[in-house]
Amino acid sequence: MSRPPAPLGVYIHWPYCAKICPYCDFNVYRDRGRREEQAALARAIAADLEAQAALTGERELVSIFLGGGTPSLMDPEWAGELIALARRLWRPFGEVEVTLEANPTDAEAGRFAAFAAAGVNRLSLGLQALDDASLALLGRNHDAAAARRAAAQGARSFARLSVDMIYARPGQTPQAWAEELGQALDLGAEHVSPYQLTIEAGTAFERAVRRGRIVPPGDEAGAALFETTQAVLEKAGFEAYEVSNHARGEAARSRHNLVYWTGADYVGAGPGAHGRLTLDGARTATFAHARPADYIAAARTAGGGFSTRETLTAREAAQERVLAGLRIDAGVGYEEVAALGLSPDHPLVAELTAAGLLADDRRRLRATRAGRLVLDHVTSRLAA
């Protein structure tokens, strides 16, 4: 009996944003309404998907993720064409999860029904905060009332609703965060992604911190806010299946993000998109041209949008498994990180287990709750 095709996720990056947030370091560009360029980009993404399908061969499609940028600014008709194309190129596995990232502006919420008709069945809504002062600080182009309206519209339009929130904002207290997170839960989402604010190099926030205009919370305050997050969500019946992702039941978990965290293959299409594919038996990293014009030109001339394609060594692949796999509660099997020489009896594993940062598990490498609090430290040591 032949094996079924390996599972595959598809990530499509739409890089345009109405406004660039000061904390964002993604590959994004200001949306200036250049419809011809955007139509050309949609065609280039389609060509890229076809080129990558020729590389991967038959696979079982489990998820499609429209991310960015702000893909809810895309013409819903283009989104529908790309979703239908992906479903033709790879064999759909059950009900394919199709996620759309969106900001909660009234204009975008007014298009939710069209995206649902185009095949989107899961909305990832970037609320980020639910008070106007914090939204202004974060550079968002909506207020709290618009966020609540968009969440209500999203719950009506899509089978599944996820909301993103940012905490560890300057001056934020655990009590205020607990109240705000509770308000977000009242909006009816079954999946919550609370992200601790990080100051990324090259962003407007990083420049503001250097100038003393913004003072982010210290480590102790950040830890208290992390514990508040866990307590509020656990009480509401959400499981922390990943360090920054909580779901009310297994069915509510993000199947697409689990593709990343479990080491499955995924196609990356669109400007600046990354992918991971198993080609000729080797784990292969793909990188798309970052600038839309370069990506469109590459798709026209070469059929695909890659700028580079790199075969990972066994050690590099194992390092990626440590960095991604320890983010989820299931962890990563020791056989997947054998190239790093890790085992239950390895001195470093024993040291981190004794310190309470890794679970005492002889089959899988798993971070404890305390380990998740300092996960960058734990994974950097193991991957090294």
Protein backbone atom coordinates (compact mmCIF):
# COMPACT_ATOMS: atom_id res chain seq x y z
CA MET A 1 0.00 0.00 0.00
CA SER A 2 1.42 3.38 -1.01
CA ARG A 3 1.83 6.13 1.55
CA PRO A 4 -0.55 9.12 1.40
CA PRO A 5 1.04 12.38 0.21
CA ALA A 6 2.78 14.42 2.91
CA PRO A 7 0.80 17.31 4.44
CA LEU A 8 1.41 20.85 3.20
CA GLY A 9 0.44 24.37 4.22
CA VAL A 10 0.38 27.40 1.91
CA TYR A 11 1.30 30.89 3.13
CA ILE A 12 0.44 33.85 0.87
CA HIS A 13 1.98 37.20 1.81
CA TRP A 14 0.12 40.38 0.85
CA PRO A 15 2.55 43.16 1.78
CA TYR A 16 0.37 46.27 1.58
CA CYS A 17 -0.86 48.16 4.66
CA ALA A 18 -2.98 51.29 4.99
CA LYS A 19 -0.57 52.39 7.75
CA ILE A 20 2.76 50.99 8.96
CA CYS A 21 2.60 50.25 12.70
CA PRO A 22 5.60 51.57 14.69
CA TYR A 23 6.36 48.15 16.25
CA CYS A 24 6.23 46.18 12.97
CA ASP A 25 9.35 44.73 11.33
CA PHE A 26 7.56 42.61 8.70
CA ASN A 27 8.05 43.05 4.95
CA VAL A 28 5.30 45.65 4.43
CA TYR A 29 4.66 48.60 2.13
CA ARG A 30 2.24 51.51 2.29
CA ASP A 31 -0.91 50.85 0.26
CA ARG A 32 -1.10 53.73 -2.20
CA GLY A 33 -4.02 52.37 -4.20
CA ARG A 34 -1.96 51.22 -7.20
CA ARG A 35 -4.47 48.68 -8.45
CA GLU A 36 -2.49 47.72 -11.57
CA GLU A 37 0.58 46.85 -9.47
CA GLN A 38 -1.55 44.89 -7.01
CA ALA A 39 -3.32 43.01 -9.81
CA ALA A 40 0.09 42.15 -11.24
CA LEU A 41 1.16 40.91 -7.81
CA ALA A 42 -1.88 38.65 -7.54
CA ARG A 43 -1.00 37.15 -10.95
CA ALA A 44 2.63 36.73 -9.85
CA ILE A 45 1.56 34.87 -6.69
CA ALA A 46 -0.55 32.55 -8.85
CA ALA A 47 2.44 31.84 -11.11
CA ASP A 48 4.62 31.22 -8.05
CA LEU A 49 2.12 28.72 -6.60
CA GLU A 50 2.07 26.83 -9.90
CA ALA A 51 5.88 26.75 -10.05
CA GLN A 52 6.15 25.46 -6.49
CA ALA A 53 3.49 22.79 -7.11
CA ALA A 54 5.70 21.48 -9.91
CA LEU A 55 8.52 21.18 -7.37
CA THR A 56 6.56 19.56 -4.55
CA GLY A 57 4.50 17.09 -6.55
CA GLU A 58 1.34 15.71 -4.99
CA ARG A 59 0.75 16.78 -1.38
CA GLU A 60 -2.22 16.94 0.97
CA LEU A 61 -3.25 20.56 1.46
CA VAL A 62 -4.22 21.19 5.09
CA SER A 63 -4.20 24.99 5.33
CA ILE A 64 -3.98 28.26 3.45
CA PHE A 65 -2.99 31.42 5.32
CA LEU A 66 -3.42 34.90 3.83
CA GLY A 67 -1.05 37.04 5.87
CA GLY A 68 0.84 40.26 5.57
CA GLY A 69 0.76 43.12 5.57
CA THR A 70 -2.99 43.45 5.47
CA PRO A 71 -4.51 40.86 3.15
CA SER A 72 -8.02 42.07 4.00
CA LEU A 73 -7.16 45.07 1.77
CA MET A 74 -6.83 42.67 -1.16
CA ASP A 75 -9.64 42.38 -3.69
CA PRO A 76 -11.72 39.44 -2.36
CA GLU A 77 -12.04 38.16 -5.92
CA TRP A 78 -8.26 37.80 -6.17
CA ALA A 79 -8.21 36.00 -2.83
CA GLY A 80 -10.87 33.60 -4.08
CA GLU A 81 -8.88 32.86 -7.23
CA LEU A 82 -5.70 32.11 -5.25
CA ILE A 83 -7.58 29.90 -2.77
CA ALA A 84 -9.21 27.95 -5.61
CA LEU A 85 -5.85 27.62 -7.38
CA ALA A 86 -4.15 26.18 -4.29
CA ARG A 87 -6.98 23.67 -3.91
CA ARG A 88 -6.48 22.58 -7.55
CA LEU A 89 -2.68 22.33 -7.30
CA TRP A 90 -2.63 20.19 -4.14
CA ARG A 91 -5.09 17.58 -2.87
CA PRO A 92 -7.38 19.09 -0.19
CA PHE A 93 -7.22 17.16 3.09
CA GLY A 94 -10.66 17.27 4.67
CA GLU A 95 -11.96 20.79 5.26
CA VAL A 96 -8.95 22.96 4.45
CA GLU A 97 -8.43 25.72 7.00
CA VAL A 98 -8.29 29.08 5.16
CA THR A 99 -7.27 31.99 7.38
CA LEU A 100 -7.41 35.71 6.62
CA GLU A 101 -5.51 38.26 8.70
CA ALA A 102 -7.38 41.54 9.10
CA ASN A 103 -7.33 44.80 11.00
CA PRO A 104 -10.58 45.86 12.67
CA THR A 105 -11.38 48.94 10.62
CA ASP A 106 -14.96 49.45 9.50
CA ALA A 107 -13.87 49.38 5.84
CA GLU A 108 -12.27 45.95 6.19
CA ALA A 109 -15.12 44.53 8.28
CA GLY A 110 -17.47 45.53 5.49
CA ARG A 111 -15.64 43.09 3.19
CA PHE A 112 -15.74 40.06 5.50
CA ALA A 113 -18.80 38.54 3.82
CA ALA A 114 -17.06 38.76 0.43
CA PHE A 115 -13.97 36.99 1.80
CA ALA A 116 -16.16 34.28 3.34
CA ALA A 117 -17.78 33.77 -0.08
CA ALA A 118 -14.26 33.54 -1.57
CA GLY A 119 -13.46 30.55 0.64
CA VAL A 120 -12.05 32.01 3.87
CA ASN A 121 -13.36 30.15 6.93
CA ARG A 122 -11.15 31.54 9.72
CA LEU A 123 -10.49 35.17 10.65
CA SER A 124 -7.39 36.29 12.54
CA LEU A 125 -8.30 39.76 13.77
CA GLY A 126 -5.57 42.11 14.98
CA LEU A 127 -7.34 43.89 17.84
CA GLN A 128 -4.02 44.52 19.69
CA ALA A 129 -5.74 46.60 22.41
CA LEU A 130 -9.21 47.62 23.54
CA ASP A 131 -8.59 51.12 24.85
CA ASP A 132 -8.13 54.15 22.64
CA ALA A 133 -4.99 55.48 24.36
CA SER A 134 -3.13 52.20 23.84
CA LEU A 135 -4.34 51.95 20.24
CA ALA A 136 -2.97 55.45 19.58
CA LEU A 137 0.36 54.50 21.17
CA LEU A 138 0.54 51.39 18.95
CA GLY A 139 -0.13 53.50 15.87
CA ARG A 140 -3.34 51.68 14.97
CA ASN A 141 -5.81 53.23 12.53
CA HIS A 142 -8.95 52.18 14.44
CA ASP A 143 -10.46 52.80 17.85
CA ALA A 144 -11.82 50.35 20.43
CA ALA A 145 -15.41 50.73 19.23
CA ALA A 146 -14.39 49.75 15.67
CA ALA A 147 -12.51 46.74 17.10
CA ARG A 148 -15.65 45.51 18.83
CA ARG A 149 -17.77 46.05 15.71
CA ALA A 150 -15.27 44.16 13.57
CA ALA A 151 -15.14 41.24 16.00
CA ALA A 152 -18.93 40.98 15.95
CA GLN A 153 -18.96 41.05 12.14
CA GLY A 154 -16.15 38.49 12.01
CA ALA A 155 -18.05 36.11 14.30
CA ARG A 156 -21.08 36.38 11.99
CA SER A 157 -19.10 35.93 8.76
CA PHE A 158 -16.65 33.14 9.54
CA ALA A 159 -16.80 29.71 11.13
CA ARG A 160 -13.82 30.47 13.38
CA LEU A 161 -12.58 33.69 14.98
CA SER A 162 -9.14 34.35 16.46
CA VAL A 163 -8.03 37.66 18.00
CA ASP A 164 -4.53 39.06 18.54
CA MET A 165 -3.69 41.20 21.55
CA ILE A 166 -0.45 42.96 22.53
CA TYR A 167 0.53 43.25 26.20
CA ALA A 168 3.55 44.48 28.19
CA ARG A 169 2.79 47.94 26.88
CA PRO A 170 4.42 50.92 28.63
CA GLY A 171 2.78 51.53 32.01
CA GLN A 172 0.45 48.52 31.79
CA THR A 173 -0.43 46.82 35.09
CA PRO A 174 -1.48 43.19 35.58
CA GLN A 175 -4.90 44.28 36.85
CA ALA A 176 -5.57 46.51 33.83
CA TRP A 177 -4.37 43.77 31.47
CA ALA A 178 -6.59 41.15 33.14
CA GLU A 179 -9.62 43.39 32.69
CA GLU A 180 -8.77 44.16 29.06
CA LEU A 181 -8.12 40.51 28.22
CA GLY A 182 -11.46 39.62 29.80
CA GLN A 183 -13.15 42.17 27.54
CA ALA A 184 -11.50 40.56 24.52
CA LEU A 185 -12.82 37.15 25.56
CA ASP A 186 -16.33 38.59 25.74
CA LEU A 187 -16.15 39.18 21.98
CA GLY A 188 -16.63 35.46 21.35
CA ALA A 189 -13.29 34.33 19.90
CA GLU A 190 -12.35 30.66 20.36
CA HIS A 191 -8.64 31.39 19.80
CA VAL A 192 -6.55 34.15 21.37
CA SER A 193 -2.98 35.11 20.49
CA PRO A 194 -1.57 37.41 23.21
CA TYR A 195 1.86 38.67 22.17
CA GLN A 196 4.29 40.39 24.50
CA LEU A 197 5.40 43.67 22.94
CA THR A 198 8.95 43.35 21.65
CA ILE A 199 11.08 46.24 20.48
CA GLU A 200 12.43 45.15 17.09
CA ALA A 201 15.55 46.69 15.55
CA GLY A 202 14.89 49.23 12.84
CA THR A 203 11.31 50.03 13.91
CA ALA A 204 9.91 53.38 14.99
CA PHE A 205 9.46 51.96 18.49
CA GLU A 206 13.14 51.05 18.68
CA ARG A 207 14.06 54.65 17.85
CA ALA A 208 11.57 55.92 20.43
CA VAL A 209 13.07 53.69 23.13
CA ARG A 210 16.57 54.94 22.30
CA ARG A 211 15.36 58.52 22.69
CA GLY A 212 13.62 57.75 25.99
CA ARG A 213 10.14 58.51 24.62
CA ILE A 214 8.94 54.96 25.36
CA VAL A 215 9.94 52.87 28.37
CA PRO A 216 8.86 49.24 28.00
CA PRO A 217 8.24 47.15 31.13
CA GLY A 218 11.26 45.40 32.64
CA ASP A 219 11.68 41.62 32.89
CA GLU A 220 9.93 41.33 36.27
CA ALA A 221 6.90 43.31 35.10
CA GLY A 222 6.82 41.34 31.84
CA ALA A 223 6.84 38.07 33.78
CA ALA A 224 3.94 39.24 35.95
CA LEU A 225 1.93 40.15 32.84
CA PHE A 226 2.74 36.75 31.29
CA GLU A 227 1.44 34.97 34.40
CA THR A 228 -1.69 37.15 34.36
CA THR A 229 -2.26 36.10 30.73
CA GLN A 230 -2.04 32.41 31.61
CA ALA A 231 -4.32 32.75 34.64
CA VAL A 232 -7.09 34.67 32.85
CA LEU A 233 -7.13 32.39 29.82
CA GLU A 234 -6.92 29.15 31.82
CA LYS A 235 -9.86 30.26 33.94
CA ALA A 236 -11.85 30.90 30.75
CA GLY A 237 -11.13 27.38 29.45
CA PHE A 238 -8.34 28.18 27.00
CA GLU A 239 -5.32 25.86 26.62
CA ALA A 240 -1.86 27.35 26.03
CA TYR A 241 -1.00 24.93 23.24
CA GLU A 242 1.78 27.30 22.11
CA VAL A 243 3.70 29.94 24.01
CA SER A 244 1.63 32.81 22.54
CA ASN A 245 -1.45 30.96 21.32
CA HIS A 246 -4.43 29.78 23.36
CA ALA A 247 -7.42 27.80 22.08
CA ARG A 248 -10.71 26.75 23.59
CA GLY A 249 -10.47 23.07 22.65
CA GLU A 250 -8.31 21.22 20.13
CA ALA A 251 -10.57 22.02 17.15
CA ALA A 252 -9.95 25.74 17.69
CA ARG A 253 -6.17 25.44 17.34
CA SER A 254 -4.58 27.06 14.29
CA ARG A 255 -3.85 24.21 11.89
CA HIS A 256 -1.67 26.44 9.75
CA ASN A 257 0.57 27.55 12.60
CA LEU A 258 0.86 23.93 13.72
CA VAL A 259 2.32 23.21 10.28
CA TYR A 260 5.22 25.49 11.24
CA TRP A 261 5.62 24.26 14.79
CA THR A 262 5.48 20.54 13.95
CA GLY A 263 8.02 20.79 11.13
CA ALA A 264 5.66 20.03 8.23
CA ASP A 265 6.28 21.51 4.77
CA TYR A 266 4.83 24.83 3.71
CA VAL A 267 4.88 26.88 0.55
CA GLY A 268 5.70 30.57 0.94
CA ALA A 269 4.40 32.82 -1.86
CA GLY A 270 4.34 36.60 -2.10
CA PRO A 271 7.02 39.27 -1.55
CA GLY A 272 9.43 38.31 1.22
CA ALA A 273 7.67 35.01 2.00
CA HIS A 274 9.72 32.13 3.42
CA GLY A 275 8.94 28.47 2.83
CA ARG A 276 10.16 25.06 3.93
CA LEU A 277 9.88 22.17 1.48
CA THR A 278 11.20 18.63 1.35
CA LEU A 279 12.80 18.38 -2.09
CA ASP A 280 14.74 15.28 -3.20
CA GLY A 281 14.61 14.07 0.40
CA ALA A 282 16.23 17.21 1.88
CA ARG A 283 14.72 20.00 3.96
CA THR A 284 14.92 23.10 1.77
CA ALA A 285 14.50 26.75 2.76
CA THR A 286 12.98 29.09 0.16
CA PHE A 287 13.08 32.88 0.19
CA ALA A 288 11.06 35.13 -2.10
CA HIS A 289 12.16 38.51 -3.41
CA ALA A 290 11.18 41.13 -0.85
CA ARG A 291 10.27 44.08 -3.10
CA PRO A 292 6.95 43.61 -4.93
CA ALA A 293 8.45 44.82 -8.23
CA ASP A 294 11.32 42.30 -7.99
CA TYR A 295 8.93 39.51 -7.05
CA ILE A 296 6.61 40.29 -9.96
CA ALA A 297 9.55 40.42 -12.40
CA ALA A 298 10.90 37.07 -11.16
CA ALA A 299 7.50 35.41 -11.53
CA ARG A 300 7.24 36.71 -15.09
CA THR A 301 10.69 35.62 -16.20
CA ALA A 302 11.38 32.51 -14.11
CA GLY A 303 7.85 31.34 -13.30
CA GLY A 304 8.43 31.62 -9.54
CA GLY A 305 9.28 34.31 -7.01
CA PHE A 306 12.32 32.75 -5.29
CA SER A 307 15.35 34.91 -4.70
CA THR A 308 17.24 32.00 -3.11
CA ARG A 309 16.75 28.31 -2.35
CA GLU A 310 18.96 26.62 0.22
CA THR A 311 19.29 22.97 1.23
CA LEU A 312 19.58 22.74 5.01
CA THR A 313 22.10 20.46 6.66
CA ALA A 314 20.80 17.87 9.11
CA ARG A 315 22.10 20.05 11.94
CA GLU A 316 20.38 23.18 10.62
CA ALA A 317 17.11 21.29 10.20
CA ALA A 318 17.39 19.99 13.78
CA GLN A 319 18.08 23.50 15.08
CA GLU A 320 14.90 24.72 13.42
CA ARG A 321 12.97 21.86 15.01
CA VAL A 322 14.21 22.90 18.47
CA LEU A 323 13.35 26.57 17.91
CA ALA A 324 9.86 25.83 16.57
CA GLY A 325 8.97 22.59 18.36
CA LEU A 326 9.58 23.83 21.90
CA ARG A 327 7.01 26.57 21.34
CA ILE A 328 4.14 24.05 21.52
CA ASP A 329 3.00 21.98 24.48
CA ALA A 330 3.75 18.71 22.65
CA GLY A 331 7.41 19.66 22.17
CA VAL A 332 9.62 17.76 19.72
CA GLY A 333 10.66 14.11 19.59
CA TYR A 334 14.29 13.35 20.38
CA GLU A 335 14.63 11.49 17.07
CA GLU A 336 13.95 14.77 15.25
CA VAL A 337 16.91 16.51 16.91
CA ALA A 338 19.37 13.63 16.81
CA ALA A 339 21.75 15.69 14.64
CA LEU A 340 22.33 17.95 17.67
CA GLY A 341 23.26 14.98 19.84
CA LEU A 342 20.40 15.71 22.25
CA SER A 343 18.96 12.92 24.37
CA PRO A 344 17.28 12.61 27.79
CA ASP A 345 20.72 11.88 29.27
CA HIS A 346 22.57 14.75 27.62
CA PRO A 347 24.16 16.95 30.34
CA LEU A 348 22.50 20.12 29.05
CA VAL A 349 19.07 18.47 28.93
CA ALA A 350 19.62 17.13 32.44
CA GLU A 351 20.67 20.58 33.66
CA LEU A 352 17.63 22.34 32.16
CA THR A 353 15.32 19.60 33.46
CA ALA A 354 16.74 19.91 36.97
CA ALA A 355 16.22 23.68 36.75
CA GLY A 356 12.54 23.10 35.98
CA LEU A 357 12.76 24.54 32.45
CA LEU A 358 12.29 21.24 30.59
CA ALA A 359 9.78 18.50 31.39
CA ASP A 360 11.07 15.17 32.71
CA ASP A 361 10.12 13.27 29.54
CA ARG A 362 12.36 10.61 28.02
CA ARG A 363 10.55 10.61 24.66
CA ARG A 364 10.13 14.28 23.85
CA LEU A 365 11.88 17.57 24.49
CA ARG A 366 9.24 19.82 26.10
CA ALA A 367 9.41 23.19 27.81
CA THR A 368 7.66 23.62 31.14
CA ARG A 369 5.62 26.71 31.99
CA ALA A 370 8.70 28.18 33.67
CA GLY A 371 10.72 27.28 30.57
CA ARG A 372 8.27 29.07 28.32
CA LEU A 373 8.86 32.25 30.29
CA VAL A 374 12.55 32.17 29.23
CA LEU A 375 12.08 30.16 26.03
CA ASP A 376 14.60 32.13 23.96
CA HIS A 377 17.26 31.26 26.54
CA VAL A 378 16.31 27.58 26.59
CA THR A 379 16.12 27.10 22.82
CA SER A 380 19.29 29.06 22.08
CA ARG A 381 21.26 26.83 24.43
CA LEU A 382 19.78 23.62 23.02
CA ALA A 383 20.19 24.68 19.39
CA ALA A 384 23.81 25.65 19.97
